[in-house]
PDB file of N, CA and C in Angstrom:
ATOM      1  N   MET A   1      -9.347  13.983 -42.359  1.00  0.00           N
ATOM      2  CA  MET A   1      -8.040  14.430 -41.933  1.00  0.00           C
ATOM      3  C   MET A   1      -8.147  14.870 -40.475  1.00  0.00           C
ATOM      4  N   GLY A   2      -7.246  14.423 -39.650  1.00  0.00           N
ATOM      5  CA  GLY A   2      -7.208  14.822 -38.251  1.00  0.00           C
ATOM      6  C   GLY A   2      -6.053  15.768 -37.995  1.00  0.00           C
ATOM      7  N   GLU A   3      -6.370  16.917 -37.416  1.00  0.00           N
ATOM      8  CA  GLU A   3      -5.347  17.874 -36.988  1.00  0.00           C
ATOM      9  C   GLU A   3      -5.325  17.828 -35.468  1.00  0.00           C
ATOM     10  N   TYR A   4      -4.207  17.434 -34.906  1.00  0.00           N
ATOM     11  CA  TYR A   4      -4.061  17.213 -33.476  1.00  0.00           C
ATOM     12  C   TYR A   4      -3.276  18.363 -32.850  1.00  0.00           C
ATOM     13  N   TYR A   5      -3.809  18.892 -31.770  1.00  0.00           N
ATOM     14  CA  TYR A   5      -3.248  20.082 -31.128  1.00  0.00           C
ATOM     15  C   TYR A   5      -2.937  19.821 -29.662  1.00  0.00           C
ATOM     16  N   GLN A   6      -1.866  20.416 -29.189  1.00  0.00           N
ATOM     17  CA  GLN A   6      -1.612  20.477 -27.757  1.00  0.00           C
ATOM     18  C   GLN A   6      -2.450  21.625 -27.223  1.00  0.00           C
ATOM     19  N   GLY A   7      -3.187  21.404 -26.147  1.00  0.00           N
ATOM     20  CA  GLY A   7      -4.083  22.408 -25.593  1.00  0.00           C
ATOM     21  C   GLY A   7      -5.471  22.296 -26.207  1.00  0.00           C
ATOM     22  N   VAL A   8      -6.397  23.070 -25.682  1.00  0.00           N
ATOM     23  CA  VAL A   8      -7.793  22.968 -26.118  1.00  0.00           C
ATOM     24  C   VAL A   8      -8.228  24.131 -26.995  1.00  0.00           C
ATOM     25  N   ALA A   9      -7.299  25.023 -27.339  1.00  0.00           N
ATOM     26  CA  ALA A   9      -7.662  26.210 -28.120  1.00  0.00           C
ATOM     27  C   ALA A   9      -7.236  26.110 -29.588  1.00  0.00           C
ATOM     28  N   PHE A  10      -6.791  24.913 -30.017  1.00  0.00           N
ATOM     29  CA  PHE A  10      -6.398  24.699 -31.411  1.00  0.00           C
ATOM     30  C   PHE A  10      -5.307  25.661 -31.875  1.00  0.00           C
ATOM     31  N   ASP A  11      -4.340  25.956 -31.006  1.00  0.00           N
ATOM     32  CA  ASP A  11      -3.310  26.914 -31.406  1.00  0.00           C
ATOM     33  C   ASP A  11      -1.899  26.322 -31.477  1.00  0.00           C
ATOM     34  N   GLN A  12      -1.698  25.089 -31.038  1.00  0.00           N
ATOM     35  CA  GLN A  12      -0.368  24.475 -31.072  1.00  0.00           C
ATOM     36  C   GLN A  12      -0.450  23.141 -31.815  1.00  0.00           C
ATOM     37  N   ARG A  13      -0.570  23.210 -33.134  1.00  0.00           N
ATOM     38  CA  ARG A  13      -0.726  21.973 -33.920  1.00  0.00           C
ATOM     39  C   ARG A  13       0.546  21.143 -33.843  1.00  0.00           C
ATOM     40  N   ARG A  14       0.372  19.866 -33.518  1.00  0.00           N
ATOM     41  CA  ARG A  14       1.503  18.963 -33.354  1.00  0.00           C
ATOM     42  C   ARG A  14       1.539  17.849 -34.395  1.00  0.00           C
ATOM     43  N   LEU A  15       0.392  17.549 -35.013  1.00  0.00           N
ATOM     44  CA  LEU A  15       0.332  16.382 -35.879  1.00  0.00           C
ATOM     45  C   LEU A  15      -0.834  16.515 -36.844  1.00  0.00           C
ATOM     46  N   VAL A  16      -0.632  16.099 -38.088  1.00  0.00           N
ATOM     47  CA  VAL A  16      -1.710  16.001 -39.069  1.00  0.00           C
ATOM     48  C   VAL A  16      -1.630  14.601 -39.655  1.00  0.00           C
ATOM     49  N   ARG A  17      -2.761  13.906 -39.692  1.00  0.00           N
ATOM     50  CA  ARG A  17      -2.765  12.565 -40.265  1.00  0.00           C
ATOM     51  C   ARG A  17      -4.148  12.234 -40.819  1.00  0.00           C
ATOM     52  N   ILE A  18      -4.185  11.243 -41.661  1.00  0.00           N
ATOM     53  CA  ILE A  18      -5.453  10.743 -42.186  1.00  0.00           C
ATOM     54  C   ILE A  18      -5.892   9.599 -41.289  1.00  0.00           C
ATOM     55  N   ASP A  19      -7.016   9.752 -40.629  1.00  0.00           N
ATOM     56  CA  ASP A  19      -7.596   8.699 -39.807  1.00  0.00           C
ATOM     57  C   ASP A  19      -8.678   8.013 -40.633  1.00  0.00           C
ATOM     58  N   GLN A  20      -8.588   6.704 -40.762  1.00  0.00           N
ATOM     59  CA  GLN A  20      -9.537   5.962 -41.592  1.00  0.00           C
ATOM     60  C   GLN A  20     -10.946   6.003 -41.038  1.00  0.00           C
ATOM     61  N   SER A  21     -11.076   6.160 -39.734  1.00  0.00           N
ATOM     62  CA  SER A  21     -12.385   6.353 -39.103  1.00  0.00           C
ATOM     63  C   SER A  21     -12.171   7.227 -37.876  1.00  0.00           C
ATOM     64  N   VAL A  22     -13.241   7.758 -37.369  1.00  0.00           N
ATOM     65  CA  VAL A  22     -13.174   8.589 -36.168  1.00  0.00           C
ATOM     66  C   VAL A  22     -13.900   7.822 -35.075  1.00  0.00           C
ATOM     67  N   ASN A  23     -13.167   6.874 -34.479  1.00  0.00           N
ATOM     68  CA  ASN A  23     -13.730   5.989 -33.471  1.00  0.00           C
ATOM     69  C   ASN A  23     -12.582   5.551 -32.567  1.00  0.00           C
ATOM     70  N   PHE A  24     -12.268   6.351 -31.571  1.00  0.00           N
ATOM     71  CA  PHE A  24     -11.109   6.118 -30.723  1.00  0.00           C
ATOM     72  C   PHE A  24     -11.522   6.024 -29.259  1.00  0.00           C
ATOM     73  N   ASN A  25     -10.745   5.259 -28.500  1.00  0.00           N
ATOM     74  CA  ASN A  25     -10.853   5.244 -27.044  1.00  0.00           C
ATOM     75  C   ASN A  25      -9.430   5.288 -26.511  1.00  0.00           C
ATOM     76  N   TRP A  26      -8.953   6.498 -26.233  1.00  0.00           N
ATOM     77  CA  TRP A  26      -7.585   6.660 -25.772  1.00  0.00           C
ATOM     78  C   TRP A  26      -7.460   6.438 -24.272  1.00  0.00           C
ATOM     79  N   GLY A  27      -8.569   6.292 -23.563  1.00  0.00           N
ATOM     80  CA  GLY A  27      -8.506   6.099 -22.119  1.00  0.00           C
ATOM     81  C   GLY A  27      -7.683   7.191 -21.480  1.00  0.00           C
ATOM     82  N   SER A  28      -6.668   6.821 -20.727  1.00  0.00           N
ATOM     83  CA  SER A  28      -5.799   7.823 -20.098  1.00  0.00           C
ATOM     84  C   SER A  28      -4.534   8.058 -20.912  1.00  0.00           C
ATOM     85  N   GLY A  29      -4.480   7.503 -22.127  1.00  0.00           N
ATOM     86  CA  GLY A  29      -3.311   7.681 -22.976  1.00  0.00           C
ATOM     87  C   GLY A  29      -3.481   8.834 -23.938  1.00  0.00           C
ATOM     88  N   ALA A  30      -2.447   9.056 -24.727  1.00  0.00           N
ATOM     89  CA  ALA A  30      -2.453  10.121 -25.735  1.00  0.00           C
ATOM     90  C   ALA A  30      -2.658   9.500 -27.118  1.00  0.00           C
ATOM     91  N   PRO A  31      -3.215  10.250 -28.054  1.00  0.00           N
ATOM     92  CA  PRO A  31      -3.389   9.720 -29.401  1.00  0.00           C
ATOM     93  C   PRO A  31      -2.082   9.556 -30.173  1.00  0.00           C
ATOM     94  N   ASP A  32      -1.017  10.175 -29.669  1.00  0.00           N
ATOM     95  CA  ASP A  32       0.287  10.106 -30.328  1.00  0.00           C
ATOM     96  C   ASP A  32       1.343  10.573 -29.328  1.00  0.00           C
ATOM     97  N   PRO A  33       2.575  10.056 -29.424  1.00  0.00           N
ATOM     98  CA  PRO A  33       3.625  10.511 -28.506  1.00  0.00           C
ATOM     99  C   PRO A  33       3.916  12.011 -28.582  1.00  0.00           C
ATOM    100  N   ALA A  34       3.538  12.672 -29.664  1.00  0.00           N
ATOM    101  CA  ALA A  34       3.766  14.114 -29.795  1.00  0.00           C
ATOM    102  C   ALA A  34       2.784  14.935 -28.965  1.00  0.00           C
ATOM    103  N   LEU A  35       1.816  14.261 -28.316  1.00  0.00           N
ATOM    104  CA  LEU A  35       0.771  14.969 -27.565  1.00  0.00           C
ATOM    105  C   LEU A  35       0.738  14.524 -26.115  1.00  0.00           C
ATOM    106  N   PRO A  36       0.257  15.402 -25.226  1.00  0.00           N
ATOM    107  CA  PRO A  36       0.068  14.986 -23.839  1.00  0.00           C
ATOM    108  C   PRO A  36      -1.150  14.068 -23.733  1.00  0.00           C
ATOM    109  N   SER A  37      -1.274  13.358 -22.625  1.00  0.00           N
ATOM    110  CA  SER A  37      -2.416  12.446 -22.445  1.00  0.00           C
ATOM    111  C   SER A  37      -3.685  13.186 -22.031  1.00  0.00           C
ATOM    112  N   ASP A  38      -3.579  14.462 -21.743  1.00  0.00           N
ATOM    113  CA  ASP A  38      -4.735  15.284 -21.391  1.00  0.00           C
ATOM    114  C   ASP A  38      -4.469  16.686 -21.954  1.00  0.00           C
ATOM    115  N   ASN A  39      -5.505  17.470 -22.050  1.00  0.00           N
ATOM    116  CA  ASN A  39      -5.386  18.833 -22.584  1.00  0.00           C
ATOM    117  C   ASN A  39      -4.846  18.849 -24.016  1.00  0.00           C
ATOM    118  N   PHE A  40      -5.489  18.060 -24.861  1.00  0.00           N
ATOM    119  CA  PHE A  40      -5.221  18.107 -26.291  1.00  0.00           C
ATOM    120  C   PHE A  40      -6.556  18.218 -27.008  1.00  0.00           C
ATOM    121  N   SER A  41      -6.533  18.597 -28.262  1.00  0.00           N
ATOM    122  CA  SER A  41      -7.755  18.707 -29.049  1.00  0.00           C
ATOM    123  C   SER A  41      -7.484  18.187 -30.451  1.00  0.00           C
ATOM    124  N   VAL A  42      -8.556  17.786 -31.113  1.00  0.00           N
ATOM    125  CA  VAL A  42      -8.447  17.255 -32.471  1.00  0.00           C
ATOM    126  C   VAL A  42      -9.557  17.874 -33.311  1.00  0.00           C
ATOM    127  N   ARG A  43      -9.204  18.281 -34.512  1.00  0.00           N
ATOM    128  CA  ARG A  43     -10.201  18.772 -35.468  1.00  0.00           C
ATOM    129  C   ARG A  43     -10.158  17.839 -36.674  1.00  0.00           C
ATOM    130  N   TRP A  44     -11.260  17.112 -36.882  1.00  0.00           N
ATOM    131  CA  TRP A  44     -11.359  16.247 -38.047  1.00  0.00           C
ATOM    132  C   TRP A  44     -12.172  16.952 -39.112  1.00  0.00           C
ATOM    133  N   SER A  45     -11.759  16.820 -40.334  1.00  0.00           N
ATOM    134  CA  SER A  45     -12.530  17.356 -41.453  1.00  0.00           C
ATOM    135  C   SER A  45     -12.529  16.315 -42.563  1.00  0.00           C
ATOM    136  N   GLY A  46     -13.593  16.302 -43.312  1.00  0.00           N
ATOM    137  CA  GLY A  46     -13.713  15.332 -44.387  1.00  0.00           C
ATOM    138  C   GLY A  46     -15.072  15.433 -45.038  1.00  0.00           C
ATOM    139  N   MET A  47     -15.432  14.377 -45.725  1.00  0.00           N
ATOM    140  CA  MET A  47     -16.694  14.356 -46.453  1.00  0.00           C
ATOM    141  C   MET A  47     -17.528  13.172 -46.001  1.00  0.00           C
ATOM    142  N   ILE A  48     -18.832  13.369 -46.014  1.00  0.00           N
ATOM    143  CA  ILE A  48     -19.785  12.298 -45.755  1.00  0.00           C
ATOM    144  C   ILE A  48     -20.414  11.952 -47.095  1.00  0.00           C
ATOM    145  N   LEU A  49     -20.373  10.691 -47.469  1.00  0.00           N
ATOM    146  CA  LEU A  49     -20.954  10.247 -48.729  1.00  0.00           C
ATOM    147  C   LEU A  49     -22.078   9.257 -48.435  1.00  0.00           C
ATOM    148  N   PRO A  50     -23.300   9.765 -48.217  1.00  0.00           N
ATOM    149  CA  PRO A  50     -24.405   8.851 -47.892  1.00  0.00           C
ATOM    150  C   PRO A  50     -24.792   8.009 -49.097  1.00  0.00           C
ATOM    151  N   SER A  51     -25.104   6.750 -48.849  1.00  0.00           N
ATOM    152  CA  SER A  51     -25.509   5.870 -49.939  1.00  0.00           C
ATOM    153  C   SER A  51     -26.990   6.018 -50.274  1.00  0.00           C
ATOM    154  N   LEU A  52     -27.786   6.442 -49.309  1.00  0.00           N
ATOM    155  CA  LEU A  52     -29.226   6.612 -49.508  1.00  0.00           C
ATOM    156  C   LEU A  52     -29.656   8.008 -49.093  1.00  0.00           C
ATOM    157  N   SER A  53     -30.741   8.477 -49.646  1.00  0.00           N
ATOM    158  CA  SER A  53     -31.338   9.747 -49.211  1.00  0.00           C
ATOM    159  C   SER A  53     -32.257   9.441 -48.041  1.00  0.00           C
ATOM    160  N   GLU A  54     -31.816   9.821 -46.856  1.00  0.00           N
ATOM    161  CA  GLU A  54     -32.594   9.549 -45.639  1.00  0.00           C
ATOM    162  C   GLU A  54     -32.008  10.342 -44.477  1.00  0.00           C
ATOM    163  N   THR A  55     -32.635  10.222 -43.332  1.00  0.00           N
ATOM    164  CA  THR A  55     -32.149  10.874 -42.119  1.00  0.00           C
ATOM    165  C   THR A  55     -31.081  10.001 -41.479  1.00  0.00           C
ATOM    166  N   TYR A  56     -29.951  10.618 -41.191  1.00  0.00           N
ATOM    167  CA  TYR A  56     -28.834   9.940 -40.548  1.00  0.00           C
ATOM    168  C   TYR A  56     -28.644  10.531 -39.161  1.00  0.00           C
ATOM    169  N   THR A  57     -28.261   9.679 -38.216  1.00  0.00           N
ATOM    170  CA  THR A  57     -27.980  10.126 -36.864  1.00  0.00           C
ATOM    171  C   THR A  57     -26.488   9.954 -36.601  1.00  0.00           C
ATOM    172  N   PHE A  58     -25.866  11.023 -36.114  1.00  0.00           N
ATOM    173  CA  PHE A  58     -24.446  11.037 -35.793  1.00  0.00           C
ATOM    174  C   PHE A  58     -24.301  11.039 -34.275  1.00  0.00           C
ATOM    175  N   TYR A  59     -23.407  10.222 -33.767  1.00  0.00           N
ATOM    176  CA  TYR A  59     -23.173  10.106 -32.333  1.00  0.00           C
ATOM    177  C   TYR A  59     -21.750  10.527 -32.005  1.00  0.00           C
ATOM    178  N   VAL A  60     -21.595  11.250 -30.934  1.00  0.00           N
ATOM    179  CA  VAL A  60     -20.274  11.572 -30.401  1.00  0.00           C
ATOM    180  C   VAL A  60     -20.273  11.232 -28.926  1.00  0.00           C
ATOM    181  N   ASN A  61     -19.174  10.673 -28.479  1.00  0.00           N
ATOM    182  CA  ASN A  61     -18.992  10.359 -27.068  1.00  0.00           C
ATOM    183  C   ASN A  61     -17.658  10.961 -26.679  1.00  0.00           C
ATOM    184  N   SER A  62     -17.684  11.865 -25.732  1.00  0.00           N
ATOM    185  CA  SER A  62     -16.436  12.518 -25.328  1.00  0.00           C
ATOM    186  C   SER A  62     -16.410  12.691 -23.822  1.00  0.00           C
ATOM    187  N   ASP A  63     -15.194  12.797 -23.287  1.00  0.00           N
ATOM    188  CA  ASP A  63     -15.072  13.044 -21.851  1.00  0.00           C
ATOM    189  C   ASP A  63     -14.591  14.464 -21.586  1.00  0.00           C
ATOM    190  N   ASP A  64     -14.787  15.313 -22.535  1.00  0.00           N
ATOM    191  CA  ASP A  64     -14.605  16.751 -22.375  1.00  0.00           C
ATOM    192  C   ASP A  64     -15.345  17.407 -23.534  1.00  0.00           C
ATOM    193  N   GLY A  65     -14.937  18.581 -23.936  1.00  0.00           N
ATOM    194  CA  GLY A  65     -15.685  19.329 -24.936  1.00  0.00           C
ATOM    195  C   GLY A  65     -15.775  18.661 -26.286  1.00  0.00           C
ATOM    196  N   VAL A  66     -16.898  18.885 -26.949  1.00  0.00           N
ATOM    197  CA  VAL A  66     -17.108  18.340 -28.284  1.00  0.00           C
ATOM    198  C   VAL A  66     -18.024  19.271 -29.074  1.00  0.00           C
ATOM    199  N   ARG A  67     -17.699  19.442 -30.335  1.00  0.00           N
ATOM    200  CA  ARG A  67     -18.567  20.164 -31.269  1.00  0.00           C
ATOM    201  C   ARG A  67     -18.617  19.357 -32.555  1.00  0.00           C
ATOM    202  N   LEU A  68     -19.791  19.276 -33.142  1.00  0.00           N
ATOM    203  CA  LEU A  68     -19.946  18.590 -34.422  1.00  0.00           C
ATOM    204  C   LEU A  68     -20.598  19.539 -35.408  1.00  0.00           C
ATOM    205  N   TRP A  69     -19.872  19.825 -36.479  1.00  0.00           N
ATOM    206  CA  TRP A  69     -20.367  20.657 -37.575  1.00  0.00           C
ATOM    207  C   TRP A  69     -20.619  19.751 -38.762  1.00  0.00           C
ATOM    208  N   ILE A  70     -21.766  19.885 -39.394  1.00  0.00           N
ATOM    209  CA  ILE A  70     -22.061  19.152 -40.624  1.00  0.00           C
ATOM    210  C   ILE A  70     -22.620  20.145 -41.624  1.00  0.00           C
ATOM    211  N   ASP A  71     -21.980  20.190 -42.773  1.00  0.00           N
ATOM    212  CA  ASP A  71     -22.411  21.074 -43.855  1.00  0.00           C
ATOM    213  C   ASP A  71     -22.525  22.531 -43.388  1.00  0.00           C
ATOM    214  N   GLY A  72     -21.542  22.957 -42.582  1.00  0.00           N
ATOM    215  CA  GLY A  72     -21.507  24.335 -42.114  1.00  0.00           C
ATOM    216  C   GLY A  72     -22.468  24.669 -40.995  1.00  0.00           C
ATOM    217  N   GLN A  73     -23.165  23.662 -40.471  1.00  0.00           N
ATOM    218  CA  GLN A  73     -24.134  23.893 -39.392  1.00  0.00           C
ATOM    219  C   GLN A  73     -23.661  23.208 -38.113  1.00  0.00           C
ATOM    220  N   LEU A  74     -23.675  23.947 -37.020  1.00  0.00           N
ATOM    221  CA  LEU A  74     -23.298  23.395 -35.729  1.00  0.00           C
ATOM    222  C   LEU A  74     -24.433  22.498 -35.234  1.00  0.00           C
ATOM    223  N   ARG A  75     -24.178  21.209 -35.139  1.00  0.00           N
ATOM    224  CA  ARG A  75     -25.210  20.238 -34.756  1.00  0.00           C
ATOM    225  C   ARG A  75     -25.122  19.830 -33.294  1.00  0.00           C
ATOM    226  N   ILE A  76     -23.916  19.776 -32.750  1.00  0.00           N
ATOM    227  CA  ILE A  76     -23.710  19.457 -31.334  1.00  0.00           C
ATOM    228  C   ILE A  76     -22.730  20.479 -30.787  1.00  0.00           C
ATOM    229  N   ASP A  77     -23.090  21.108 -29.675  1.00  0.00           N
ATOM    230  CA  ASP A  77     -22.228  22.123 -29.071  1.00  0.00           C
ATOM    231  C   ASP A  77     -22.184  21.897 -27.565  1.00  0.00           C
ATOM    232  N   ASP A  78     -21.159  21.214 -27.108  1.00  0.00           N
ATOM    233  CA  ASP A  78     -20.979  20.925 -25.681  1.00  0.00           C
ATOM    234  C   ASP A  78     -19.508  21.125 -25.353  1.00  0.00           C
ATOM    235  N   TRP A  79     -19.043  22.374 -25.439  1.00  0.00           N
ATOM    236  CA  TRP A  79     -17.634  22.698 -25.314  1.00  0.00           C
ATOM    237  C   TRP A  79     -17.283  23.091 -23.885  1.00  0.00           C
ATOM    238  N   HIS A  80     -17.271  22.103 -22.992  1.00  0.00           N
ATOM    239  CA  HIS A  80     -16.829  22.326 -21.621  1.00  0.00           C
ATOM    240  C   HIS A  80     -16.366  20.990 -21.042  1.00  0.00           C
ATOM    241  N   ASP A  81     -15.607  21.044 -19.959  1.00  0.00           N
ATOM    242  CA  ASP A  81     -15.138  19.826 -19.302  1.00  0.00           C
ATOM    243  C   ASP A  81     -16.319  19.085 -18.693  1.00  0.00           C
ATOM    244  N   HIS A  82     -16.347  17.781 -18.904  1.00  0.00           N
ATOM    245  CA  HIS A  82     -17.392  16.938 -18.320  1.00  0.00           C
ATOM    246  C   HIS A  82     -16.946  15.486 -18.402  1.00  0.00           C
ATOM    247  N   PRO A  83     -17.547  14.620 -17.598  1.00  0.00           N
ATOM    248  CA  PRO A  83     -17.237  13.195 -17.724  1.00  0.00           C
ATOM    249  C   PRO A  83     -17.795  12.665 -19.048  1.00  0.00           C
ATOM    250  N   ALA A  84     -17.471  11.437 -19.363  1.00  0.00           N
ATOM    251  CA  ALA A  84     -17.907  10.846 -20.630  1.00  0.00           C
ATOM    252  C   ALA A  84     -19.424  10.970 -20.802  1.00  0.00           C
ATOM    253  N   GLN A  85     -19.804  11.511 -21.947  1.00  0.00           N
ATOM    254  CA  GLN A  85     -21.217  11.697 -22.291  1.00  0.00           C
ATOM    255  C   GLN A  85     -21.400  11.421 -23.774  1.00  0.00           C
ATOM    256  N   GLU A  86     -22.585  10.920 -24.113  1.00  0.00           N
ATOM    257  CA  GLU A  86     -22.926  10.726 -25.514  1.00  0.00           C
ATOM    258  C   GLU A  86     -23.927  11.782 -25.944  1.00  0.00           C
ATOM    259  N   HIS A  87     -23.722  12.298 -27.137  1.00  0.00           N
ATOM    260  CA  HIS A  87     -24.642  13.252 -27.756  1.00  0.00           C
ATOM    261  C   HIS A  87     -24.977  12.727 -29.140  1.00  0.00           C
ATOM    262  N   SER A  88     -26.133  13.146 -29.649  1.00  0.00           N
ATOM    263  CA  SER A  88     -26.482  12.740 -31.008  1.00  0.00           C
ATOM    264  C   SER A  88     -27.173  13.896 -31.721  1.00  0.00           C
ATOM    265  N   ALA A  89     -27.104  13.845 -33.036  1.00  0.00           N
ATOM    266  CA  ALA A  89     -27.763  14.836 -33.870  1.00  0.00           C
ATOM    267  C   ALA A  89     -28.177  14.139 -35.165  1.00  0.00           C
ATOM    268  N   SER A  90     -29.369  14.440 -35.637  1.00  0.00           N
ATOM    269  CA  SER A  90     -29.870  13.828 -36.857  1.00  0.00           C
ATOM    270  C   SER A  90     -30.072  14.897 -37.925  1.00  0.00           C
ATOM    271  N   MET A  91     -29.883  14.473 -39.172  1.00  0.00           N
ATOM    272  CA  MET A  91     -30.165  15.363 -40.294  1.00  0.00           C
ATOM    273  C   MET A  91     -30.395  14.548 -41.559  1.00  0.00           C
ATOM    274  N   TYR A  92     -31.159  15.099 -42.431  1.00  0.00           N
ATOM    275  CA  TYR A  92     -31.462  14.453 -43.706  1.00  0.00           C
ATOM    276  C   TYR A  92     -30.326  14.715 -44.689  1.00  0.00           C
ATOM    277  N   LEU A  93     -29.852  13.657 -45.329  1.00  0.00           N
ATOM    278  CA  LEU A  93     -28.795  13.778 -46.325  1.00  0.00           C
ATOM    279  C   LEU A  93     -29.247  13.139 -47.630  1.00  0.00           C
ATOM    280  N   GLU A  94     -28.881  13.753 -48.726  1.00  0.00           N
ATOM    281  CA  GLU A  94     -29.193  13.226 -50.055  1.00  0.00           C
ATOM    282  C   GLU A  94     -28.146  12.201 -50.474  1.00  0.00           C
ATOM    283  N   GLY A  95     -28.592  11.033 -50.913  1.00  0.00           N
ATOM    284  CA  GLY A  95     -27.676   9.983 -51.380  1.00  0.00           C
ATOM    285  C   GLY A  95     -27.212  10.235 -52.788  1.00  0.00           C
TER     286      GLY A  95
END
């Protein structure tokens, strides 16, 4: 589930929708007409259902702040303005 907010403090929710995947490239556009093309934030929540018991690597690429929480643990914490950067975090998951 994606909760889309105007601003970066998650205080002005404008849209809630189910995104089939979290793999977007909005470029200089907005994810929805209800949002500005800059200074918006999104909080996705859902479940990971691994098919095998092994170490999985999660990648995020953002052109501003990003945080990735998995199973209540902060795995990536880069919450500041920056140009496009990729981050990764690995963890063992039970299938």
